[in-house]
C-alpha cells in the first residue's frame, strides 16, 4: 500500500470506532466489539491476484481457519476466492457461504472415512496427509476414477521459522510425508506410479515467523519432486502444486510487509519454472488477507497501579487475543487509546499494561507500553486483529463471544456498519454449557443410590 492508502486505512478505522461508540455498539452495555474493514480485505485480495498474474493458472483459496465467519467467507467467495477447509465445521461454513465444491480444498491430518467419502463424492480437492490415508482412499475409490483433484502433502523438512508452533516443515512436524526420512522419496514416487488419480503435490512451510526464503525452499522441494515424478513416470501426472499460504504479517506498524509481490519475487528467484504454466498453482493464504483489516475495541473498565506500573483493565483478553496473551513475544499487538466518544487521545504518554478480564495474572494484551493516559470509560483498540482474534474465541471464564461488524466508507465519506455476528448472550453461554442436561449427573447419582 502507498502511504496515502495506509493513512486512509487508519482514518477509516478511527471513524469506524467512533461510529461504533456513537451507535452504542461499543459502550457500557456492549464493552467489547470486533470491527472488519471490508475495503481493506478486498484490497488485499486484489493485491494477491495482481502479484500472481501470469501464464500459470492460479486458484487462490482462503484458509477458513483464519476467520470462520460465514459473512466474511461469503465476501471472499464473491471476490473470486476459493476456500481451504480443515474440518467438517469449516467445510459446512464454506458451503453455507456459497463456495462451490470445485473451489474447495480439503486439508486435515485426521480426515475420517465419512469426510473422505463426502469429498470424493462431490469432487472436492483433497490433500492427503500420509500413506495410511492414501490406502483408505484406495478402498473408497475401489478402482473408479476420482471426480476431483487428489494430492499428497509432503514435508520438505527445511526447518523452522521464528515461531516453532507455526512452522510446519520441521524435522518432526506432524504434517505430511517427511521427504528427508530414509526411503520417503522413493515411496512417494511409487505411490504416484500406482495411482493415476494422484495428481497434486502440496507443501506448506508455515506462517507467522517464517521468512520468505524459507517458504521458497519448501516450494522448491515440492516443485523438484513433481518434476522428478513426472520424468520417471514418463507422463505429466502431477498437474497441480498447492504451495500453501502463510505469508507473515507485520504487527509492528501500519505497513504491509512483506507484500504478495515480495513473496512472488522470492518464488520466481528460487523456483524459476514455477510460473511457466506447466502446473496449476493453488494457494492457501489466510492471516495476510485479513489481519490488517481487523480491530478489537474494548471499554476500559478500571485503571489502577501496582508496583509503580499503571494497569488498564479492559474486556479484551485471552478470550479474543489468545495467542498474544500466551505468546506475547511472538504475537505482539499495536494498541490505540480513544476517549469515551471514540476520538483518538493525545497528550503526554505514560507506561501502562493493558489487561483483560480473564481470571489469571498473565491475561495481558500489552505490557509496558507508552500510551496517552488511560482512564475508565476510554476505549482501547487492538489493531491487526482481523484474522484469528475475534473469530477464534477461547471460552475461558465462560466469557461470551463479542459482536463483529464490517464497515465501509460510502461516497459521502460516512462509515456504514453491517452486523457480521451477533454478540453472544450470557444466556447463550449457559445453554452451551449443558443447560438442557442440567439434571443428567444428578440422575446418575440417584440411580446409583436406588440400587443400594
Protein backbone atom coordinates (compact mmCIF):
# COMPACT_ATOMS: atom_id res chain seq x y z
CA UNK A 1 0.00 0.00 0.00
CA UNK A 2 1.07 3.58 -0.61
CA UNK A 3 1.44 5.98 2.29
CA UNK A 4 -1.82 7.58 1.23
CA UNK A 5 -3.64 4.26 1.28
CA UNK A 6 -2.20 3.43 4.70
CA UNK A 7 -3.36 6.78 6.04
CA UNK A 8 -6.80 6.18 4.56
CA UNK A 9 -6.98 2.76 6.23
CA UNK A 10 -6.07 4.28 9.59
CA UNK A 11 -8.60 7.09 9.18
CA UNK A 12 -11.34 4.62 8.25
CA UNK A 13 -10.53 2.54 11.32
CA UNK A 14 -10.77 5.57 13.61
CA UNK A 15 -14.04 6.62 12.01
CA UNK A 16 -15.45 3.12 12.44
CA UNK A 17 -14.54 3.07 16.13
CA UNK A 18 -16.16 6.47 16.63
CA UNK A 19 -19.28 5.31 14.79
CA UNK A 20 -19.48 2.13 16.89
CA UNK A 21 -19.37 4.26 20.05
CA UNK A 22 -21.91 6.73 18.68
CA UNK A 23 -24.33 3.93 17.76
CA UNK A 24 -23.95 2.22 21.14
CA UNK A 25 -22.29 -0.84 19.62
CA UNK A 26 -19.31 -0.20 21.89
CA UNK A 27 -20.01 1.22 25.31
CA UNK A 28 -21.09 0.35 28.85
CA UNK A 29 -23.78 -2.09 27.65
CA UNK A 30 -21.55 -3.61 24.93
CA UNK A 31 -17.97 -3.32 26.23
CA UNK A 32 -16.28 -5.37 23.51
CA UNK A 33 -16.60 -5.41 19.71
CA UNK A 34 -14.78 -6.63 16.61
CA UNK A 35 -14.57 -4.43 13.51
CA UNK A 36 -13.53 -5.51 9.99
CA UNK A 37 -12.58 -3.15 7.16
CA UNK A 38 -14.29 -4.54 4.05
CA UNK A 39 -12.37 -2.27 1.68
CA UNK A 40 -9.11 -3.40 3.25
CA UNK A 41 -10.00 -7.07 2.76
CA UNK A 42 -10.91 -6.54 -0.89
CA UNK A 43 -7.71 -4.54 -1.47
CA UNK A 44 -5.70 -7.47 -0.10
CA UNK A 45 -7.48 -9.86 -2.49
CA UNK A 46 -6.70 -7.54 -5.40
CA UNK A 47 -3.02 -7.35 -4.39
CA UNK A 48 -2.85 -11.14 -4.21
CA UNK A 49 -4.36 -11.59 -7.67
CA UNK A 50 -2.13 -8.95 -9.17
CA UNK A 51 1.05 -10.47 -7.72
CA UNK A 52 0.33 -13.90 -9.24
CA UNK A 53 -0.71 -12.71 -12.71
CA UNK A 54 0.99 -14.73 -15.43
CA UNK A 55 0.71 -17.82 -17.63
CA UNK A 56 0.25 -20.27 -14.74
CA UNK A 57 -3.42 -20.84 -13.82
CA UNK A 58 -3.92 -19.99 -10.15
CA UNK A 59 -6.71 -20.77 -7.70
CA UNK A 60 -6.31 -18.65 -4.58
CA UNK A 61 -8.11 -20.18 -1.60
CA UNK A 62 -8.73 -18.56 1.75
CA UNK A 63 -7.71 -20.57 4.81
CA UNK A 64 -11.04 -20.73 6.63
CA UNK A 65 -9.33 -21.25 9.98
CA UNK A 66 -8.20 -17.62 9.87
CA UNK A 67 -11.76 -16.30 10.09
CA UNK A 68 -14.56 -18.85 10.05
CA UNK A 69 -17.40 -16.33 9.92
CA UNK A 70 -19.88 -17.03 7.14
CA UNK A 71 -20.39 -13.37 6.03
CA UNK A 72 -16.61 -12.96 5.74
CA UNK A 73 -16.35 -16.16 3.73
CA UNK A 74 -19.25 -15.01 1.53
CA UNK A 75 -17.41 -11.73 0.83
CA UNK A 76 -14.31 -13.66 -0.24
CA UNK A 77 -16.34 -16.06 -2.36
CA UNK A 78 -17.92 -13.12 -4.17
CA UNK A 79 -14.41 -11.72 -4.70
CA UNK A 80 -13.45 -14.89 -6.61
CA UNK A 81 -11.55 -16.74 -3.92
CA UNK A 82 -11.71 -20.45 -3.22
CA UNK A 83 -11.65 -21.82 0.32
CA UNK A 84 -9.27 -24.19 2.11
CA UNK A 85 -11.00 -26.12 4.89
CA UNK A 86 -9.51 -28.38 7.54
CA UNK A 87 -12.52 -29.69 9.45
CA UNK A 88 -16.19 -30.62 8.97
CA UNK A 89 -17.18 -27.31 10.58
CA UNK A 90 -15.07 -25.25 8.20
CA UNK A 91 -16.41 -27.26 5.26
CA UNK A 92 -20.01 -26.52 6.23
CA UNK A 93 -19.21 -22.86 6.83
CA UNK A 94 -17.66 -22.60 3.36
CA UNK A 95 -20.66 -24.28 1.71
CA UNK A 96 -23.05 -22.03 3.63
CA UNK A 97 -21.05 -19.03 2.40
CA UNK A 98 -21.60 -20.05 -1.22
CA UNK A 99 -18.34 -21.70 -2.25
CA UNK A 100 -18.97 -24.38 -4.85
CA UNK A 101 -17.40 -27.80 -4.43
CA UNK A 102 -14.85 -27.18 -7.17
CA UNK A 103 -13.49 -24.15 -5.29
CA UNK A 104 -12.79 -26.05 -2.08
CA UNK A 105 -9.57 -27.69 -0.90
CA UNK A 106 -9.88 -30.13 2.00
CA UNK A 107 -6.80 -30.34 4.23
CA UNK A 108 -6.60 -32.09 7.58
CA UNK A 109 -4.21 -34.60 9.11
CA UNK A 110 -7.14 -36.51 10.63
CA UNK A 111 -9.83 -36.92 7.98
CA UNK A 112 -12.42 -39.56 8.83
CA UNK A 113 -13.80 -42.10 6.35
CA UNK A 114 -17.08 -40.17 6.28
CA UNK A 115 -15.32 -36.91 5.47
CA UNK A 116 -13.28 -38.51 2.71
CA UNK A 117 -16.39 -40.13 1.23
CA UNK A 118 -18.14 -36.76 1.13
CA UNK A 119 -15.21 -35.02 -0.54
CA UNK A 120 -14.76 -37.79 -3.10
CA UNK A 121 -18.47 -37.86 -3.91
CA UNK A 122 -18.61 -34.12 -4.55
CA UNK A 123 -15.33 -33.58 -6.40
CA UNK A 124 -13.74 -31.54 -3.62
CA UNK A 125 -9.96 -31.32 -3.95
CA UNK A 126 -8.23 -33.32 -1.23
CA UNK A 127 -4.68 -33.15 0.06
CA UNK A 128 -3.84 -36.49 1.64
CA UNK A 129 -1.55 -36.35 4.65
CA UNK A 130 0.02 -39.82 4.79
CA UNK A 131 0.22 -43.27 3.23
CA UNK A 132 -2.45 -44.75 5.51
CA UNK A 133 -4.90 -42.12 4.35
CA UNK A 134 -3.90 -42.89 0.77
CA UNK A 135 -4.71 -46.56 1.32
CA UNK A 136 -8.07 -45.53 2.75
CA UNK A 137 -8.85 -43.61 -0.44
CA UNK A 138 -7.80 -46.68 -2.46
CA UNK A 139 -10.54 -48.63 -0.72
CA UNK A 140 -13.11 -45.87 -1.11
CA UNK A 141 -12.46 -45.40 -4.83
CA UNK A 142 -12.40 -49.17 -5.45
CA UNK A 143 -10.91 -48.72 -8.90
CA UNK A 144 -13.11 -45.88 -10.10
CA UNK A 145 -11.72 -42.53 -11.17
CA UNK A 146 -11.68 -39.65 -8.76
CA UNK A 147 -14.08 -36.80 -9.56
CA UNK A 148 -11.78 -34.10 -8.20
CA UNK A 149 -8.07 -33.42 -7.72
CA UNK A 150 -6.27 -35.50 -5.11
CA UNK A 151 -2.83 -34.53 -3.86
CA UNK A 152 -0.30 -35.65 -1.33
CA UNK A 153 1.10 -33.34 1.29
CA UNK A 154 4.85 -33.59 1.69
CA UNK A 155 7.04 -32.13 4.41
CA UNK A 156 10.21 -30.72 2.82
CA UNK A 157 11.85 -30.58 6.28
CA UNK A 158 13.57 -27.29 5.51
CA UNK A 159 13.46 -26.09 9.11
CA UNK A 160 11.61 -23.79 11.43
CA UNK A 161 10.95 -20.08 11.42
CA UNK A 162 10.96 -17.82 14.48
CA UNK A 163 7.78 -19.39 15.95
CA UNK A 164 8.08 -23.14 16.30
CA UNK A 165 4.34 -23.72 16.70
CA UNK A 166 3.70 -22.01 13.36
CA UNK A 167 6.42 -23.93 11.49
CA UNK A 168 5.15 -26.99 9.63
CA UNK A 169 8.29 -28.10 7.78
CA UNK A 170 10.47 -29.10 10.73
CA UNK A 171 12.17 -32.48 11.00
CA UNK A 172 9.43 -33.88 13.23
CA UNK A 173 6.38 -31.93 12.01
CA UNK A 174 3.08 -33.78 12.29
CA UNK A 175 2.10 -32.78 8.74
CA UNK A 176 2.67 -34.68 5.52
CA UNK A 177 5.24 -37.23 4.34
CA UNK A 178 8.69 -36.28 5.63
CA UNK A 179 10.78 -36.20 2.46
CA UNK A 180 14.20 -36.41 4.09
CA UNK A 181 13.36 -39.54 6.04
CA UNK A 182 15.03 -42.64 4.65
CA UNK A 183 13.15 -44.12 1.69
CA UNK A 184 10.44 -41.45 1.73
CA UNK A 185 11.02 -40.03 -1.75
CA UNK A 186 11.08 -43.48 -3.35
CA UNK A 187 7.87 -44.36 -1.52
CA UNK A 188 6.19 -41.19 -2.81
CA UNK A 189 7.26 -41.90 -6.39
CA UNK A 190 5.96 -45.46 -6.13
CA UNK A 191 2.66 -44.19 -4.70
CA UNK A 192 2.14 -41.93 -7.70
CA UNK A 193 3.19 -44.68 -10.12
CA UNK A 194 0.49 -46.99 -8.72
CA UNK A 195 -2.25 -44.36 -8.53
CA UNK A 196 -3.08 -42.37 -11.68
CA UNK A 197 -5.66 -40.45 -9.65
CA UNK A 198 -2.91 -38.76 -7.59
CA UNK A 199 -2.24 -35.53 -9.45
CA UNK A 200 -1.23 -32.81 -6.94
CA UNK A 201 1.62 -32.19 -4.57
CA UNK A 202 1.15 -29.97 -1.54
CA UNK A 203 3.82 -28.35 0.64
CA UNK A 204 3.47 -25.71 3.33
CA UNK A 205 6.38 -24.45 5.42
CA UNK A 206 4.45 -22.36 7.93
CA UNK A 207 3.13 -18.90 8.51
CA UNK A 208 3.99 -16.21 11.04
CA UNK A 209 7.72 -16.08 11.76
CA UNK A 210 8.72 -17.89 8.55
CA UNK A 211 10.93 -15.74 6.27
CA UNK A 212 10.27 -15.69 2.54
CA UNK A 213 13.46 -17.61 1.59
CA UNK A 214 12.45 -20.47 3.91
CA UNK A 215 8.97 -20.60 2.38
CA UNK A 216 10.52 -20.62 -1.09
CA UNK A 217 12.79 -23.52 -0.13
CA UNK A 218 9.76 -25.59 0.74
CA UNK A 219 8.03 -24.76 -2.55
CA UNK A 220 11.24 -25.59 -4.42
CA UNK A 221 11.37 -29.03 -2.79
CA UNK A 222 7.80 -29.79 -3.90
CA UNK A 223 8.47 -28.49 -7.40
CA UNK A 224 11.64 -30.56 -7.80
CA UNK A 225 9.80 -33.66 -6.61
CA UNK A 226 6.97 -33.05 -9.07
CA UNK A 227 9.50 -32.74 -11.90
CA UNK A 228 11.19 -35.96 -10.86
CA UNK A 229 7.92 -37.89 -10.56
CA UNK A 230 6.67 -36.77 -13.97
CA UNK A 231 10.03 -37.55 -15.56
CA UNK A 232 10.33 -41.02 -14.03
CA UNK A 233 6.75 -41.91 -14.87
CA UNK A 234 7.10 -40.56 -18.40
CA UNK A 235 3.86 -38.62 -18.16
CA UNK A 236 2.59 -35.34 -16.76
CA UNK A 237 0.74 -36.99 -13.87
CA UNK A 238 1.25 -34.12 -11.44
CA UNK A 239 -0.69 -31.20 -12.85
CA UNK A 240 -1.07 -29.00 -9.78
CA UNK A 241 1.10 -27.67 -6.97
CA UNK A 242 -0.55 -26.47 -3.78
CA UNK A 243 2.05 -24.08 -2.38
CA UNK A 244 0.12 -23.21 0.77
CA UNK A 245 -0.01 -19.72 2.19
CA UNK A 246 1.42 -18.42 5.39
CA UNK A 247 2.69 -15.01 4.31
CA UNK A 248 3.94 -13.36 7.53
CA UNK A 249 2.16 -10.23 8.77
CA UNK A 250 3.92 -7.16 10.10
CA UNK A 251 2.46 -6.49 13.55
CA UNK A 252 4.94 -3.70 14.36
CA UNK A 253 3.50 -0.90 12.24
CA UNK A 254 0.79 0.02 9.75
CA UNK A 255 2.94 -1.10 6.80
CA UNK A 256 2.04 -4.20 4.79
CA UNK A 257 5.25 -6.17 4.66
CA UNK A 258 6.21 -8.45 3.17
CA UNK A 259 3.83 -7.98 0.26
CA UNK A 260 2.44 -10.62 -2.06
CA UNK A 261 4.66 -9.13 -4.75
CA UNK A 262 7.68 -9.69 -2.48
CA UNK A 263 6.60 -13.29 -1.98
CA UNK A 264 6.20 -13.95 -5.71
CA UNK A 265 9.55 -12.32 -6.46
CA UNK A 266 11.22 -14.69 -3.97
CA UNK A 267 9.45 -17.66 -5.54
CA UNK A 268 10.47 -16.63 -9.06
CA UNK A 269 14.08 -16.42 -7.93
CA UNK A 270 14.11 -19.76 -6.10
CA UNK A 271 11.83 -21.73 -8.46
CA UNK A 272 12.09 -20.17 -11.95
CA UNK A 273 9.88 -22.78 -13.62
CA UNK A 274 7.02 -22.48 -11.14
CA UNK A 275 5.13 -19.87 -13.13
CA UNK A 276 5.62 -21.14 -16.69
CA UNK A 277 2.16 -22.68 -16.89
CA UNK A 278 3.02 -26.38 -16.69
CA UNK A 279 1.48 -26.62 -13.25
CA UNK A 280 -1.73 -25.12 -11.95
CA UNK A 281 -0.99 -23.32 -8.70
CA UNK A 282 -3.14 -23.37 -5.58
CA UNK A 283 -2.56 -21.02 -2.65
CA UNK A 284 -4.00 -21.04 0.87
CA UNK A 285 -3.47 -17.57 2.34
CA UNK A 286 -5.38 -16.64 5.47
CA UNK A 287 -3.92 -14.26 8.06
CA UNK A 288 -2.29 -11.98 5.50
CA UNK A 289 -5.62 -11.31 3.76
CA UNK A 290 -7.47 -10.16 6.88
CA UNK A 291 -5.16 -9.27 9.76
CA UNK A 292 -4.56 -5.62 8.90
CA UNK A 293 -8.26 -5.01 8.36
CA UNK A 294 -9.39 -6.02 11.84
CA UNK A 295 -9.69 -4.10 15.09
CA UNK A 296 -10.91 -5.13 18.52
CA UNK A 297 -12.37 -2.30 20.58
CA UNK A 298 -12.88 -2.54 24.33
CA UNK A 299 -14.10 -0.22 27.03
CA UNK A 300 -11.64 0.44 29.86
CA UNK A 301 -13.46 -0.62 33.00
CA UNK A 302 -10.89 0.36 35.63
CA UNK A 303 -7.39 1.75 35.94
CA UNK A 304 -5.04 1.07 38.84
CA UNK A 305 -1.38 0.95 39.81
CA UNK A 306 0.78 -1.96 41.02
CA UNK A 307 4.49 -1.80 41.74
CA UNK A 308 4.68 1.59 40.12
CA UNK A 309 3.11 0.32 36.86
CA UNK A 310 -0.20 1.66 35.59
CA UNK A 311 -2.74 -1.01 34.59
CA UNK A 312 -5.82 -0.55 32.42
CA UNK A 313 -8.38 -3.31 32.87
CA UNK A 314 -10.36 -3.94 29.68
CA UNK A 315 -12.78 -6.55 28.35
CA UNK A 316 -10.37 -7.82 25.66
CA UNK A 317 -8.08 -10.55 26.93
CA UNK A 318 -7.23 -14.18 26.33
CA UNK A 319 -10.74 -14.99 25.12
CA UNK A 320 -10.14 -12.95 21.93
CA UNK A 321 -6.35 -12.48 21.91
CA UNK A 322 -5.33 -15.97 22.94
CA UNK A 323 -2.03 -16.15 21.08
CA UNK A 324 -0.95 -12.69 22.19
CA UNK A 325 -1.68 -13.43 25.84
CA UNK A 326 0.10 -16.79 25.92
CA UNK A 327 2.95 -15.93 23.49
CA UNK A 328 3.33 -12.14 23.76
CA UNK A 329 6.80 -12.01 22.22
CA UNK A 330 5.66 -13.90 19.14
CA UNK A 331 2.29 -12.15 18.75
CA UNK A 332 2.62 -8.51 19.90
CA UNK A 333 -0.21 -6.18 19.01
CA UNK A 334 -0.30 -2.45 18.40
CA UNK A 335 -2.60 -0.55 20.76
CA UNK A 336 -4.56 2.65 20.33
CA UNK A 337 -6.31 4.71 23.02
CA UNK A 338 -9.51 6.68 22.40
CA UNK A 339 -11.70 8.77 24.66
CA UNK A 340 -15.24 7.89 25.66
CA UNK A 341 -16.53 9.45 22.43
CA UNK A 342 -14.23 7.32 20.31
CA UNK A 343 -11.80 10.11 19.42
CA UNK A 344 -8.02 9.41 19.50
CA UNK A 345 -6.45 10.56 22.75
CA UNK A 346 -3.49 12.90 22.74
CA UNK A 347 -1.18 14.18 25.43
CA UNK A 348 1.81 13.02 27.48
CA UNK A 349 2.47 9.29 27.47
CA UNK A 350 2.58 7.03 30.48
CA UNK A 351 3.80 3.47 30.77
CA UNK A 352 0.84 1.14 31.10
CA UNK A 353 -0.12 -2.53 30.93
CA UNK A 354 -3.33 -3.40 29.07
CA UNK A 355 -5.09 -6.19 30.93
CA UNK A 356 -8.04 -8.38 30.02
CA UNK A 357 -10.96 -9.72 32.08
CA UNK A 358 -9.77 -13.31 32.48
CA UNK A 359 -9.03 -14.62 35.96
CA UNK A 360 -5.28 -15.28 35.69
CA UNK A 361 -2.36 -12.91 36.12
CA UNK A 362 -0.96 -13.33 32.63
CA UNK A 363 -4.09 -12.04 30.91
CA UNK A 364 -2.33 -9.04 29.36
CA UNK A 365 -2.61 -7.94 25.74
CA UNK A 366 0.21 -5.39 26.04
CA UNK A 367 2.83 -4.67 28.70
CA UNK A 368 4.96 -1.65 29.40
CA UNK A 369 3.54 0.41 26.53
CA UNK A 370 3.91 4.18 26.34
CA UNK A 371 0.39 5.43 25.65
CA UNK A 372 -1.66 8.56 26.34
CA UNK A 373 -3.10 8.49 29.87
CA UNK A 374 -5.85 5.86 30.05
CA UNK A 375 -8.95 6.45 32.14
CA UNK A 376 -12.10 4.44 32.93
CA UNK A 377 -14.59 4.77 30.10
CA UNK A 378 -11.91 5.19 27.46
CA UNK A 379 -11.66 2.82 24.50
CA UNK A 380 -8.60 0.65 23.92
CA UNK A 381 -8.18 -0.68 20.39
CA UNK A 382 -6.14 -3.73 19.46
CA UNK A 383 -5.01 -3.42 15.85
CA UNK A 384 -4.25 -6.03 13.16
CA UNK A 385 -6.72 -8.49 14.67
CA UNK A 386 -8.79 -9.37 11.60
CA UNK A 387 -7.52 -12.96 11.46
CA UNK A 388 -7.95 -15.49 14.28
CA UNK A 389 -8.67 -12.96 17.04
CA UNK A 390 -12.40 -12.26 17.18
CA UNK A 391 -13.24 -15.34 15.09
CA UNK A 392 -11.42 -17.99 17.19
CA UNK A 393 -12.89 -17.45 20.63
CA UNK A 394 -11.34 -19.06 23.72
CA UNK A 395 -14.12 -19.74 26.22
CA UNK A 396 -12.06 -19.17 29.37
CA UNK A 397 -14.19 -17.97 32.32
CA UNK A 398 -17.26 -18.56 30.12
CA UNK A 399 -16.91 -15.10 28.60
CA UNK A 400 -19.35 -14.54 25.72
CA UNK A 401 -18.22 -14.00 22.14
CA UNK A 402 -18.34 -10.35 21.06
CA UNK A 403 -20.34 -8.92 18.20
CA UNK A 404 -18.45 -8.38 14.95
CA UNK A 405 -19.26 -5.67 12.43
CA UNK A 406 -17.92 -4.98 8.97
CA UNK A 407 -17.53 -1.41 7.79
CA UNK A 408 -17.01 0.64 4.65
CA UNK A 409 -16.93 4.34 3.86
CA UNK A 410 -19.69 5.45 1.47
CA UNK A 411 -19.46 8.04 -1.29
CA UNK A 412 -20.29 10.80 1.21
CA UNK A 413 -17.44 9.78 3.48
CA UNK A 414 -19.76 8.29 6.09
CA UNK A 415 -18.99 5.00 7.80
CA UNK A 416 -21.54 2.27 7.14
CA UNK A 417 -21.60 -0.71 9.51
CA UNK A 418 -23.03 -4.19 8.89
CA UNK A 419 -23.53 -6.88 11.51
CA UNK A 420 -21.36 -9.95 10.83
CA UNK A 421 -22.04 -11.88 14.03
CA UNK A 422 -24.30 -11.06 16.94
CA UNK A 423 -22.85 -10.81 20.41
CA UNK A 424 -23.36 -13.99 22.37
CA UNK A 425 -25.64 -13.53 25.35
CA UNK A 426 -24.79 -14.79 28.81
CA UNK A 427 -27.87 -16.99 28.47
CA UNK A 428 -26.31 -18.44 25.31
CA UNK A 429 -23.14 -19.25 27.23
CA UNK A 430 -25.20 -21.10 29.84
CA UNK A 431 -27.11 -23.03 27.18
CA UNK A 432 -23.84 -24.09 25.52
CA UNK A 433 -22.59 -25.37 28.85
CA UNK A 434 -25.22 -28.12 29.04
CA UNK A 435 -28.25 -26.34 30.48
CA UNK A 436 -30.72 -28.76 28.89
CA UNK A 437 -28.87 -31.66 30.55
CA UNK A 438 -28.63 -29.98 33.97
CA UNK A 439 -30.07 -32.99 35.82
CA UNK A 440 -28.12 -35.67 33.95
CA UNK A 441 -25.43 -36.33 36.57
CA UNK A 442 -27.81 -35.98 39.48
CA UNK A 443 -29.98 -38.63 37.81
CA UNK A 444 -26.98 -40.95 37.58
CA UNK A 445 -26.27 -40.40 41.26
CA UNK A 446 -29.90 -41.04 42.19
CA UNK A 447 -29.96 -44.22 40.11
CA UNK A 448 -26.81 -45.45 41.82
CA UNK A 449 -28.33 -44.74 45.24
CA UNK A 450 -31.52 -46.58 44.29
CA UNK A 451 -29.53 -49.76 43.52
CA UNK A 452 -28.29 -49.98 47.11
